[in-house]
Amino acid sequence: MPCQCVTSIFLKKNGYELEVEIDKEQEILFLNLADGKVSRGELAEWYKQHAS
């Protein structure tokens, strides 16, 4: 998904890197966000847990 690539680039430019590969979990997360099943806060929390 393009948004995953953009997010990865944004994190790298700001000194962070995802600790997970772009995978099915992240794809489902973004689809649920688009569907309104996941909040922006929940998405932010997921990135806090998976970025270093």
N, C-alpha and C. Protein backbone atom coordinates (compact mmCIF):
# COMPACT_ATOMS: atom_id res chain seq x y z
N MET A 1 0.83 -1.18 0.00
CA MET A 1 0.00 0.00 0.00
C MET A 1 0.88 1.25 0.00
N PRO A 2 0.52 2.23 -0.79
CA PRO A 2 1.33 3.45 -0.86
C PRO A 2 1.47 4.16 0.49
N CYS A 3 0.42 4.16 1.31
CA CYS A 3 0.51 4.88 2.59
C CYS A 3 1.55 4.25 3.50
N GLN A 4 1.77 2.94 3.38
CA GLN A 4 2.79 2.28 4.18
C GLN A 4 4.17 2.75 3.76
N CYS A 5 4.38 2.90 2.48
CA CYS A 5 5.68 3.36 1.97
C CYS A 5 5.95 4.80 2.40
N VAL A 6 4.94 5.64 2.30
CA VAL A 6 5.09 7.04 2.70
C VAL A 6 5.41 7.13 4.19
N THR A 7 4.71 6.34 4.98
CA THR A 7 4.94 6.34 6.42
C THR A 7 6.36 5.90 6.73
N SER A 8 6.84 4.87 6.06
CA SER A 8 8.19 4.38 6.28
C SER A 8 9.23 5.46 5.94
N ILE A 9 9.03 6.14 4.84
CA ILE A 9 9.95 7.22 4.44
C ILE A 9 9.91 8.35 5.47
N PHE A 10 8.72 8.74 5.91
CA PHE A 10 8.57 9.80 6.91
C PHE A 10 9.32 9.44 8.19
N LEU A 11 9.16 8.21 8.65
CA LEU A 11 9.84 7.78 9.87
C LEU A 11 11.35 7.84 9.70
N LYS A 12 11.86 7.33 8.57
CA LYS A 12 13.30 7.34 8.33
C LYS A 12 13.87 8.75 8.29
N LYS A 13 13.16 9.67 7.66
CA LYS A 13 13.62 11.06 7.58
C LYS A 13 13.64 11.73 8.95
N ASN A 14 12.90 11.18 9.89
CA ASN A 14 12.83 11.74 11.23
C ASN A 14 13.59 10.90 12.25
N GLY A 15 14.46 10.02 11.75
CA GLY A 15 15.34 9.28 12.63
C GLY A 15 14.77 8.01 13.24
N TYR A 16 13.66 7.52 12.68
CA TYR A 16 13.04 6.29 13.19
C TYR A 16 13.02 5.24 12.09
N GLU A 17 12.84 4.01 12.53
CA GLU A 17 12.72 2.92 11.57
C GLU A 17 11.72 1.91 12.13
N LEU A 18 10.90 1.37 11.25
CA LEU A 18 9.96 0.34 11.69
C LEU A 18 10.73 -0.93 12.02
N GLU A 19 10.32 -1.57 13.09
CA GLU A 19 10.96 -2.81 13.51
C GLU A 19 10.27 -4.03 12.91
N VAL A 20 9.28 -3.81 12.07
CA VAL A 20 8.56 -4.90 11.41
C VAL A 20 8.58 -4.67 9.91
N GLU A 21 8.46 -5.72 9.19
CA GLU A 21 8.32 -5.61 7.74
C GLU A 21 6.89 -5.19 7.43
N ILE A 22 6.71 -4.53 6.30
CA ILE A 22 5.36 -4.23 5.85
C ILE A 22 4.70 -5.58 5.57
N ASP A 23 3.71 -5.89 6.35
CA ASP A 23 3.12 -7.23 6.29
C ASP A 23 1.61 -7.16 6.34
N LYS A 24 1.02 -8.31 6.45
CA LYS A 24 -0.43 -8.43 6.48
C LYS A 24 -1.03 -7.67 7.66
N GLU A 25 -0.39 -7.72 8.83
CA GLU A 25 -0.90 -7.02 10.01
C GLU A 25 -1.03 -5.53 9.73
N GLN A 26 0.00 -4.95 9.15
CA GLN A 26 -0.03 -3.52 8.87
C GLN A 26 -1.06 -3.20 7.78
N GLU A 27 -1.17 -4.07 6.80
CA GLU A 27 -2.15 -3.87 5.74
C GLU A 27 -3.57 -3.87 6.32
N ILE A 28 -3.85 -4.82 7.19
CA ILE A 28 -5.17 -4.90 7.83
C ILE A 28 -5.41 -3.68 8.68
N LEU A 29 -4.38 -3.21 9.38
CA LEU A 29 -4.50 -2.02 10.21
C LEU A 29 -4.93 -0.82 9.37
N PHE A 30 -4.28 -0.60 8.23
CA PHE A 30 -4.63 0.52 7.37
C PHE A 30 -6.02 0.36 6.76
N LEU A 31 -6.39 -0.84 6.40
CA LEU A 31 -7.73 -1.06 5.86
C LEU A 31 -8.79 -0.78 6.92
N ASN A 32 -8.52 -1.20 8.15
CA ASN A 32 -9.45 -0.92 9.24
C ASN A 32 -9.52 0.56 9.56
N LEU A 33 -8.41 1.26 9.42
CA LEU A 33 -8.39 2.71 9.61
C LEU A 33 -9.30 3.37 8.57
N ALA A 34 -9.14 2.97 7.33
CA ALA A 34 -9.96 3.53 6.25
C ALA A 34 -11.44 3.21 6.44
N ASP A 35 -11.71 2.07 7.04
CA ASP A 35 -13.09 1.63 7.28
C ASP A 35 -13.70 2.24 8.54
N GLY A 36 -12.89 2.96 9.31
CA GLY A 36 -13.38 3.56 10.53
C GLY A 36 -13.38 2.62 11.73
N LYS A 37 -12.76 1.46 11.60
CA LYS A 37 -12.72 0.47 12.67
C LYS A 37 -11.54 0.69 13.62
N VAL A 38 -10.58 1.50 13.17
CA VAL A 38 -9.39 1.84 13.97
C VAL A 38 -9.29 3.36 13.99
N SER A 39 -9.02 3.91 15.15
CA SER A 39 -8.89 5.36 15.27
C SER A 39 -7.47 5.80 14.91
N ARG A 40 -7.31 7.09 14.68
CA ARG A 40 -5.98 7.62 14.41
C ARG A 40 -5.09 7.43 15.63
N GLY A 41 -5.66 7.53 16.82
CA GLY A 41 -4.91 7.30 18.05
C GLY A 41 -4.40 5.87 18.15
N GLU A 42 -5.23 4.92 17.75
CA GLU A 42 -4.82 3.51 17.76
C GLU A 42 -3.71 3.27 16.75
N LEU A 43 -3.81 3.93 15.60
CA LEU A 43 -2.75 3.81 14.59
C LEU A 43 -1.45 4.39 15.13
N ALA A 44 -1.53 5.54 15.78
CA ALA A 44 -0.34 6.17 16.36
C ALA A 44 0.28 5.26 17.42
N GLU A 45 -0.55 4.64 18.22
CA GLU A 45 -0.04 3.73 19.27
C GLU A 45 0.66 2.53 18.64
N TRP A 46 0.13 2.00 17.54
CA TRP A 46 0.76 0.86 16.84
C TRP A 46 2.16 1.27 16.38
N TYR A 47 2.27 2.49 15.81
CA TYR A 47 3.59 2.94 15.35
C TYR A 47 4.54 3.17 16.51
N LYS A 48 4.05 3.66 17.63
CA LYS A 48 4.91 3.84 18.80
C LYS A 48 5.47 2.51 19.26
N GLN A 49 4.69 1.46 19.16
CA GLN A 49 5.12 0.13 19.58
C GLN A 49 6.07 -0.53 18.59
N HIS A 50 6.03 -0.12 17.32
CA HIS A 50 6.80 -0.80 16.29
C HIS A 50 7.91 0.04 15.65
N ALA A 51 8.14 1.24 16.17
CA ALA A 51 9.21 2.08 15.62
C ALA A 51 10.26 2.34 16.70
N SER A 52 11.48 2.42 16.25
CA SER A 52 12.56 2.70 17.21
C SER A 52 13.45 3.79 16.67
